[in-house]
Amino acid sequence: MGVGNPSDTKGPKKRVLVVEDDDAIGTMITKMLGKTYDVERAADGAEGLAAATRFLPQLVVLDVMMPGIDGYATAQRMRSVPALKNVAIIFLTAKGGPMDVVKGIQAGARFYLTKPFKMDDLLAKVRKALGE
C-alpha cells in the first residue's frame, strides 16, 4: 500500500477534467493533478464539453476566458447534461471582479480561484470539491 496516495486505498482514481486554453498553465495543472487523479485536458469550451461527456469526470477545473464557448457557458451546458449535472466545478480565471465571481457561482461553480494562483490553493480546493 502506498503512502500519501489516496487512490491506493480508495479504489479507482477520481477523474478530473482540466479545461484551459493557456498551454503552460494547462500542462502544469494536468501534471500536478495527474500524480493523484486520472486527468484529461481540453483546450477550450467545446472540446471540454465533448471530453466531459465522454470522460464523465467528478471534477472540472475550468478557465473562463477561452476562444469560442467561454467557461460560464461551458459550465451551464454541462449542467444541462444529466450525467454531468452534479459534477463539481472549480473556475480558475483572471476574471476576479465581484460580478465575475457571482456569475461563476450562478453558472454552477463550487469554487472560484483567480490567476495568478498558488498550486497549493488549487490542490486544497480540488480535495475539498472531491470530498477528500
N, C-alpha and C. Protein backbone atom coordinates (compact mmCIF):
# COMPACT_ATOMS: atom_id res chain seq x y z
N MET A 1 0.84 -1.18 0.00
CA MET A 1 0.00 0.00 0.00
C MET A 1 0.88 1.24 0.00
N GLY A 2 0.60 2.16 -0.90
CA GLY A 2 1.39 3.38 -1.00
C GLY A 2 1.10 4.34 0.14
N VAL A 3 2.00 5.26 0.36
CA VAL A 3 1.83 6.26 1.40
C VAL A 3 1.50 7.58 0.74
N GLY A 4 0.43 8.23 1.22
CA GLY A 4 0.12 9.56 0.72
C GLY A 4 -0.64 9.59 -0.58
N ASN A 5 -0.96 8.44 -1.15
CA ASN A 5 -1.71 8.44 -2.41
C ASN A 5 -3.09 7.86 -2.15
N PRO A 6 -4.11 8.73 -2.11
CA PRO A 6 -5.46 8.26 -1.78
C PRO A 6 -5.97 7.18 -2.71
N SER A 7 -5.49 7.15 -3.93
CA SER A 7 -6.00 6.17 -4.89
C SER A 7 -5.57 4.74 -4.53
N ASP A 8 -4.52 4.59 -3.71
CA ASP A 8 -4.07 3.26 -3.33
C ASP A 8 -5.08 2.55 -2.43
N THR A 9 -5.85 3.30 -1.65
CA THR A 9 -6.75 2.70 -0.69
C THR A 9 -8.22 2.90 -1.03
N LYS A 10 -8.53 3.69 -2.02
CA LYS A 10 -9.93 4.01 -2.29
C LYS A 10 -10.39 3.55 -3.67
N GLY A 11 -9.77 2.54 -4.20
CA GLY A 11 -10.21 2.03 -5.50
C GLY A 11 -9.74 2.89 -6.65
N PRO A 12 -10.55 2.95 -7.71
CA PRO A 12 -10.14 3.69 -8.91
C PRO A 12 -9.90 5.17 -8.61
N LYS A 13 -8.99 5.75 -9.36
CA LYS A 13 -8.70 7.18 -9.21
C LYS A 13 -9.91 8.00 -9.62
N LYS A 14 -10.10 9.11 -8.92
CA LYS A 14 -11.16 10.04 -9.30
C LYS A 14 -10.73 10.76 -10.57
N ARG A 15 -11.73 11.10 -11.39
CA ARG A 15 -11.47 11.71 -12.70
C ARG A 15 -11.62 13.23 -12.64
N VAL A 16 -10.62 13.92 -13.16
CA VAL A 16 -10.62 15.38 -13.19
C VAL A 16 -10.36 15.83 -14.63
N LEU A 17 -11.19 16.75 -15.10
CA LEU A 17 -11.02 17.34 -16.42
C LEU A 17 -10.53 18.76 -16.25
N VAL A 18 -9.43 19.11 -16.91
CA VAL A 18 -8.87 20.46 -16.90
C VAL A 18 -9.19 21.10 -18.25
N VAL A 19 -9.94 22.20 -18.22
CA VAL A 19 -10.29 22.92 -19.45
C VAL A 19 -9.60 24.28 -19.37
N GLU A 20 -8.51 24.41 -20.10
CA GLU A 20 -7.63 25.59 -20.02
C GLU A 20 -6.98 25.82 -21.37
N ASP A 21 -7.14 27.04 -21.92
CA ASP A 21 -6.57 27.33 -23.24
C ASP A 21 -5.11 27.76 -23.19
N ASP A 22 -4.60 28.15 -22.03
CA ASP A 22 -3.18 28.51 -21.90
C ASP A 22 -2.40 27.21 -21.71
N ASP A 23 -1.57 26.87 -22.69
CA ASP A 23 -0.88 25.58 -22.69
C ASP A 23 0.01 25.38 -21.46
N ALA A 24 0.76 26.42 -21.07
CA ALA A 24 1.67 26.28 -19.93
C ALA A 24 0.89 26.00 -18.64
N ILE A 25 -0.17 26.76 -18.42
CA ILE A 25 -0.98 26.58 -17.20
C ILE A 25 -1.68 25.22 -17.24
N GLY A 26 -2.27 24.87 -18.38
CA GLY A 26 -2.96 23.59 -18.51
C GLY A 26 -2.04 22.41 -18.28
N THR A 27 -0.83 22.48 -18.83
CA THR A 27 0.14 21.40 -18.66
C THR A 27 0.57 21.28 -17.20
N MET A 28 0.82 22.41 -16.56
CA MET A 28 1.25 22.40 -15.16
C MET A 28 0.16 21.78 -14.27
N ILE A 29 -1.07 22.21 -14.44
CA ILE A 29 -2.17 21.68 -13.62
C ILE A 29 -2.37 20.19 -13.89
N THR A 30 -2.34 19.81 -15.16
CA THR A 30 -2.55 18.40 -15.53
C THR A 30 -1.48 17.52 -14.91
N LYS A 31 -0.22 17.96 -14.95
CA LYS A 31 0.87 17.17 -14.36
C LYS A 31 0.73 17.05 -12.85
N MET A 32 0.41 18.15 -12.20
CA MET A 32 0.27 18.13 -10.74
C MET A 32 -0.90 17.24 -10.30
N LEU A 33 -2.05 17.42 -10.91
CA LEU A 33 -3.21 16.63 -10.53
C LEU A 33 -3.07 15.17 -10.95
N GLY A 34 -2.30 14.93 -12.02
CA GLY A 34 -2.10 13.58 -12.53
C GLY A 34 -1.33 12.68 -11.58
N LYS A 35 -0.68 13.27 -10.58
CA LYS A 35 0.02 12.46 -9.58
C LYS A 35 -0.95 11.70 -8.69
N THR A 36 -2.17 12.21 -8.57
CA THR A 36 -3.16 11.63 -7.68
C THR A 36 -4.43 11.19 -8.38
N TYR A 37 -4.77 11.89 -9.47
CA TYR A 37 -6.06 11.66 -10.13
C TYR A 37 -5.87 11.23 -11.58
N ASP A 38 -6.93 10.70 -12.16
CA ASP A 38 -6.98 10.39 -13.58
C ASP A 38 -7.40 11.69 -14.26
N VAL A 39 -6.50 12.31 -15.00
CA VAL A 39 -6.74 13.66 -15.52
C VAL A 39 -6.77 13.66 -17.05
N GLU A 40 -7.73 14.38 -17.59
CA GLU A 40 -7.78 14.67 -19.02
C GLU A 40 -7.76 16.18 -19.16
N ARG A 41 -7.36 16.62 -20.35
CA ARG A 41 -7.26 18.06 -20.60
C ARG A 41 -7.95 18.42 -21.89
N ALA A 42 -8.60 19.58 -21.89
CA ALA A 42 -9.22 20.15 -23.08
C ALA A 42 -8.76 21.59 -23.20
N ALA A 43 -8.69 22.09 -24.45
CA ALA A 43 -8.13 23.42 -24.69
C ALA A 43 -9.18 24.53 -24.81
N ASP A 44 -10.46 24.16 -24.90
CA ASP A 44 -11.49 25.19 -24.99
C ASP A 44 -12.83 24.61 -24.55
N GLY A 45 -13.85 25.45 -24.53
CA GLY A 45 -15.15 25.03 -24.03
C GLY A 45 -15.78 23.90 -24.81
N ALA A 46 -15.75 23.99 -26.14
CA ALA A 46 -16.37 22.94 -26.97
C ALA A 46 -15.66 21.60 -26.76
N GLU A 47 -14.33 21.64 -26.74
CA GLU A 47 -13.55 20.42 -26.50
C GLU A 47 -13.82 19.91 -25.09
N GLY A 48 -13.97 20.83 -24.14
CA GLY A 48 -14.25 20.46 -22.76
C GLY A 48 -15.60 19.76 -22.61
N LEU A 49 -16.61 20.27 -23.30
CA LEU A 49 -17.94 19.63 -23.25
C LEU A 49 -17.89 18.22 -23.82
N ALA A 50 -17.20 18.08 -24.94
CA ALA A 50 -17.09 16.75 -25.56
C ALA A 50 -16.32 15.80 -24.64
N ALA A 51 -15.22 16.28 -24.07
CA ALA A 51 -14.42 15.44 -23.18
C ALA A 51 -15.20 15.07 -21.92
N ALA A 52 -15.94 16.02 -21.36
CA ALA A 52 -16.71 15.76 -20.14
C ALA A 52 -17.79 14.72 -20.40
N THR A 53 -18.44 14.78 -21.54
CA THR A 53 -19.50 13.83 -21.87
C THR A 53 -18.94 12.42 -22.03
N ARG A 54 -17.72 12.32 -22.56
CA ARG A 54 -17.08 11.02 -22.76
C ARG A 54 -16.39 10.51 -21.49
N PHE A 55 -15.68 11.39 -20.80
CA PHE A 55 -14.82 11.05 -19.65
C PHE A 55 -15.59 10.97 -18.33
N LEU A 56 -16.70 11.70 -18.23
CA LEU A 56 -17.54 11.75 -17.03
C LEU A 56 -16.72 12.00 -15.75
N PRO A 57 -16.09 13.18 -15.68
CA PRO A 57 -15.27 13.48 -14.51
C PRO A 57 -16.11 13.76 -13.27
N GLN A 58 -15.48 13.61 -12.11
CA GLN A 58 -16.12 14.03 -10.86
C GLN A 58 -15.90 15.52 -10.62
N LEU A 59 -14.84 16.07 -11.28
CA LEU A 59 -14.49 17.48 -11.11
C LEU A 59 -13.99 18.05 -12.42
N VAL A 60 -14.35 19.32 -12.67
CA VAL A 60 -13.84 20.06 -13.82
C VAL A 60 -13.17 21.33 -13.30
N VAL A 61 -11.91 21.53 -13.67
CA VAL A 61 -11.20 22.77 -13.41
C VAL A 61 -11.32 23.56 -14.71
N LEU A 62 -11.99 24.71 -14.65
CA LEU A 62 -12.46 25.38 -15.86
C LEU A 62 -12.02 26.83 -15.92
N ASP A 63 -11.34 27.20 -16.99
CA ASP A 63 -10.99 28.60 -17.26
C ASP A 63 -12.25 29.32 -17.70
N VAL A 64 -12.27 30.64 -17.58
CA VAL A 64 -13.43 31.41 -18.05
C VAL A 64 -13.18 31.97 -19.45
N MET A 65 -12.07 32.67 -19.63
CA MET A 65 -11.80 33.33 -20.91
C MET A 65 -11.11 32.36 -21.86
N MET A 66 -11.92 31.81 -22.78
CA MET A 66 -11.40 30.87 -23.77
C MET A 66 -12.01 31.20 -25.12
N PRO A 67 -11.36 30.79 -26.20
CA PRO A 67 -11.94 31.02 -27.52
C PRO A 67 -13.23 30.21 -27.68
N GLY A 68 -14.16 30.74 -28.43
CA GLY A 68 -15.43 30.03 -28.66
C GLY A 68 -16.33 30.15 -27.45
N ILE A 69 -16.66 29.03 -26.85
CA ILE A 69 -17.55 28.98 -25.70
C ILE A 69 -16.76 29.33 -24.44
N ASP A 70 -17.18 30.37 -23.72
CA ASP A 70 -16.45 30.73 -22.50
C ASP A 70 -16.78 29.75 -21.37
N GLY A 71 -16.06 29.88 -20.27
CA GLY A 71 -16.22 28.96 -19.16
C GLY A 71 -17.60 28.98 -18.53
N TYR A 72 -18.21 30.17 -18.44
CA TYR A 72 -19.55 30.26 -17.86
C TYR A 72 -20.55 29.45 -18.68
N ALA A 73 -20.52 29.65 -19.99
CA ALA A 73 -21.44 28.92 -20.87
C ALA A 73 -21.14 27.42 -20.86
N THR A 74 -19.85 27.07 -20.80
CA THR A 74 -19.46 25.67 -20.73
C THR A 74 -20.05 25.02 -19.48
N ALA A 75 -19.93 25.69 -18.35
CA ALA A 75 -20.47 25.16 -17.09
C ALA A 75 -21.99 25.01 -17.18
N GLN A 76 -22.66 26.01 -17.73
CA GLN A 76 -24.12 25.93 -17.85
C GLN A 76 -24.54 24.78 -18.75
N ARG A 77 -23.80 24.58 -19.84
CA ARG A 77 -24.13 23.47 -20.74
C ARG A 77 -23.87 22.12 -20.08
N MET A 78 -22.80 22.04 -19.29
CA MET A 78 -22.54 20.79 -18.55
C MET A 78 -23.70 20.48 -17.61
N ARG A 79 -24.21 21.50 -16.96
CA ARG A 79 -25.31 21.32 -16.02
C ARG A 79 -26.58 20.81 -16.70
N SER A 80 -26.69 21.04 -18.01
CA SER A 80 -27.88 20.59 -18.74
C SER A 80 -27.77 19.14 -19.21
N VAL A 81 -26.60 18.53 -19.06
CA VAL A 81 -26.39 17.13 -19.42
C VAL A 81 -26.64 16.28 -18.17
N PRO A 82 -27.62 15.39 -18.19
CA PRO A 82 -27.95 14.62 -16.98
C PRO A 82 -26.75 13.96 -16.30
N ALA A 83 -25.83 13.39 -17.06
CA ALA A 83 -24.68 12.69 -16.47
C ALA A 83 -23.67 13.65 -15.84
N LEU A 84 -23.77 14.95 -16.18
CA LEU A 84 -22.82 15.94 -15.67
C LEU A 84 -23.47 16.94 -14.72
N LYS A 85 -24.74 16.75 -14.46
CA LYS A 85 -25.50 17.72 -13.67
C LYS A 85 -24.87 18.03 -12.32
N ASN A 86 -24.29 17.03 -11.69
CA ASN A 86 -23.74 17.21 -10.34
C ASN A 86 -22.22 17.24 -10.28
N VAL A 87 -21.56 17.34 -11.44
CA VAL A 87 -20.10 17.40 -11.44
C VAL A 87 -19.64 18.67 -10.71
N ALA A 88 -18.60 18.54 -9.89
CA ALA A 88 -18.05 19.71 -9.19
C ALA A 88 -17.25 20.54 -10.19
N ILE A 89 -17.37 21.87 -10.09
CA ILE A 89 -16.66 22.77 -10.99
C ILE A 89 -15.87 23.78 -10.17
N ILE A 90 -14.61 23.93 -10.54
CA ILE A 90 -13.76 24.98 -9.98
C ILE A 90 -13.38 25.90 -11.13
N PHE A 91 -13.79 27.16 -11.05
CA PHE A 91 -13.33 28.14 -12.03
C PHE A 91 -11.95 28.61 -11.63
N LEU A 92 -11.04 28.69 -12.62
CA LEU A 92 -9.69 29.17 -12.42
C LEU A 92 -9.46 30.20 -13.52
N THR A 93 -9.47 31.50 -13.15
CA THR A 93 -9.53 32.54 -14.16
C THR A 93 -8.86 33.83 -13.72
N ALA A 94 -8.53 34.67 -14.69
CA ALA A 94 -8.00 36.00 -14.41
C ALA A 94 -9.13 36.98 -14.09
N LYS A 95 -10.37 36.61 -14.37
CA LYS A 95 -11.52 37.49 -14.12
C LYS A 95 -11.89 37.42 -12.64
N GLY A 96 -11.46 38.41 -11.87
CA GLY A 96 -11.63 38.36 -10.44
C GLY A 96 -12.55 39.40 -9.84
N GLY A 97 -13.30 40.11 -10.67
CA GLY A 97 -14.22 41.11 -10.15
C GLY A 97 -15.38 40.46 -9.41
N PRO A 98 -16.01 41.20 -8.50
CA PRO A 98 -17.13 40.64 -7.73
C PRO A 98 -18.25 40.08 -8.63
N MET A 99 -18.58 40.75 -9.70
CA MET A 99 -19.65 40.27 -10.58
C MET A 99 -19.21 39.01 -11.33
N ASP A 100 -17.91 38.89 -11.61
CA ASP A 100 -17.39 37.68 -12.25
C ASP A 100 -17.58 36.47 -11.33
N VAL A 101 -17.27 36.68 -10.05
CA VAL A 101 -17.41 35.59 -9.08
C VAL A 101 -18.88 35.19 -8.96
N VAL A 102 -19.77 36.18 -8.88
CA VAL A 102 -21.21 35.90 -8.79
C VAL A 102 -21.66 35.11 -10.02
N LYS A 103 -21.21 35.55 -11.19
CA LYS A 103 -21.58 34.86 -12.43
C LYS A 103 -21.07 33.42 -12.41
N GLY A 104 -19.86 33.21 -11.89
CA GLY A 104 -19.30 31.86 -11.80
C GLY A 104 -20.10 30.97 -10.87
N ILE A 105 -20.47 31.50 -9.73
CA ILE A 105 -21.27 30.73 -8.78
C ILE A 105 -22.64 30.41 -9.39
N GLN A 106 -23.24 31.39 -10.06
CA GLN A 106 -24.53 31.17 -10.71
C GLN A 106 -24.43 30.13 -11.83
N ALA A 107 -23.26 30.04 -12.45
CA ALA A 107 -23.05 29.05 -13.53
C ALA A 107 -22.81 27.65 -12.97
N GLY A 108 -22.66 27.55 -11.65
CA GLY A 108 -22.53 26.23 -11.04
C GLY A 108 -21.20 25.93 -10.40
N ALA A 109 -20.34 26.94 -10.23
CA ALA A 109 -19.02 26.69 -9.65
C ALA A 109 -19.12 26.40 -8.16
N ARG A 110 -18.34 25.43 -7.72
CA ARG A 110 -18.21 25.16 -6.29
C ARG A 110 -17.19 26.11 -5.68
N PHE A 111 -16.11 26.38 -6.44
CA PHE A 111 -15.07 27.31 -6.01
C PHE A 111 -14.68 28.20 -7.19
N TYR A 112 -14.14 29.38 -6.87
CA TYR A 112 -13.73 30.34 -7.88
C TYR A 112 -12.37 30.87 -7.47
N LEU A 113 -11.33 30.48 -8.19
CA LEU A 113 -9.96 30.93 -7.90
C LEU A 113 -9.49 31.85 -9.02
N THR A 114 -8.73 32.87 -8.63
CA THR A 114 -8.23 33.80 -9.63
C THR A 114 -6.74 33.59 -9.89
N LYS A 115 -6.36 33.86 -11.14
CA LYS A 115 -4.96 33.82 -11.56
C LYS A 115 -4.35 35.19 -11.26
N PRO A 116 -3.08 35.26 -10.89
CA PRO A 116 -2.22 34.11 -10.61
C PRO A 116 -2.69 33.39 -9.35
N PHE A 117 -2.40 32.10 -9.29
CA PHE A 117 -2.86 31.28 -8.18
C PHE A 117 -1.69 30.47 -7.63
N LYS A 118 -1.86 29.98 -6.42
CA LYS A 118 -0.87 29.08 -5.82
C LYS A 118 -1.36 27.66 -6.02
N MET A 119 -0.49 26.78 -6.45
CA MET A 119 -0.87 25.40 -6.71
C MET A 119 -1.44 24.75 -5.43
N ASP A 120 -0.88 25.10 -4.28
CA ASP A 120 -1.40 24.54 -3.02
C ASP A 120 -2.86 24.92 -2.80
N ASP A 121 -3.23 26.15 -3.17
CA ASP A 121 -4.62 26.59 -3.03
C ASP A 121 -5.53 25.78 -3.94
N LEU A 122 -5.08 25.58 -5.18
CA LEU A 122 -5.87 24.79 -6.12
C LEU A 122 -6.01 23.35 -5.62
N LEU A 123 -4.92 22.74 -5.17
CA LEU A 123 -4.98 21.37 -4.68
C LEU A 123 -5.93 21.24 -3.49
N ALA A 124 -5.91 22.22 -2.61
CA ALA A 124 -6.82 22.18 -1.45
C ALA A 124 -8.28 22.24 -1.91
N LYS A 125 -8.57 23.09 -2.89
CA LYS A 125 -9.94 23.21 -3.41
C LYS A 125 -10.35 21.94 -4.15
N VAL A 126 -9.42 21.34 -4.87
CA VAL A 126 -9.70 20.08 -5.58
C VAL A 126 -10.08 19.01 -4.57
N ARG A 127 -9.28 18.86 -3.53
CA ARG A 127 -9.58 17.85 -2.50
C ARG A 127 -10.94 18.11 -1.85
N LYS A 128 -11.20 19.36 -1.54
CA LYS A 128 -12.46 19.71 -0.90
C LYS A 128 -13.64 19.42 -1.85
N ALA A 129 -13.50 19.80 -3.10
CA ALA A 129 -14.57 19.58 -4.08
C ALA A 129 -14.85 18.09 -4.29
N LEU A 130 -13.81 17.27 -4.15
CA LEU A 130 -13.95 15.83 -4.33
C LEU A 130 -14.30 15.11 -3.02
N GLY A 131 -14.46 15.88 -1.96
CA GLY A 131 -14.86 15.29 -0.68
C GLY A 131 -13.75 14.52 0.01
N GLU A 132 -12.53 14.92 -0.20
CA GLU A 132 -11.37 14.22 0.40
C GLU A 132 -10.87 14.96 1.62
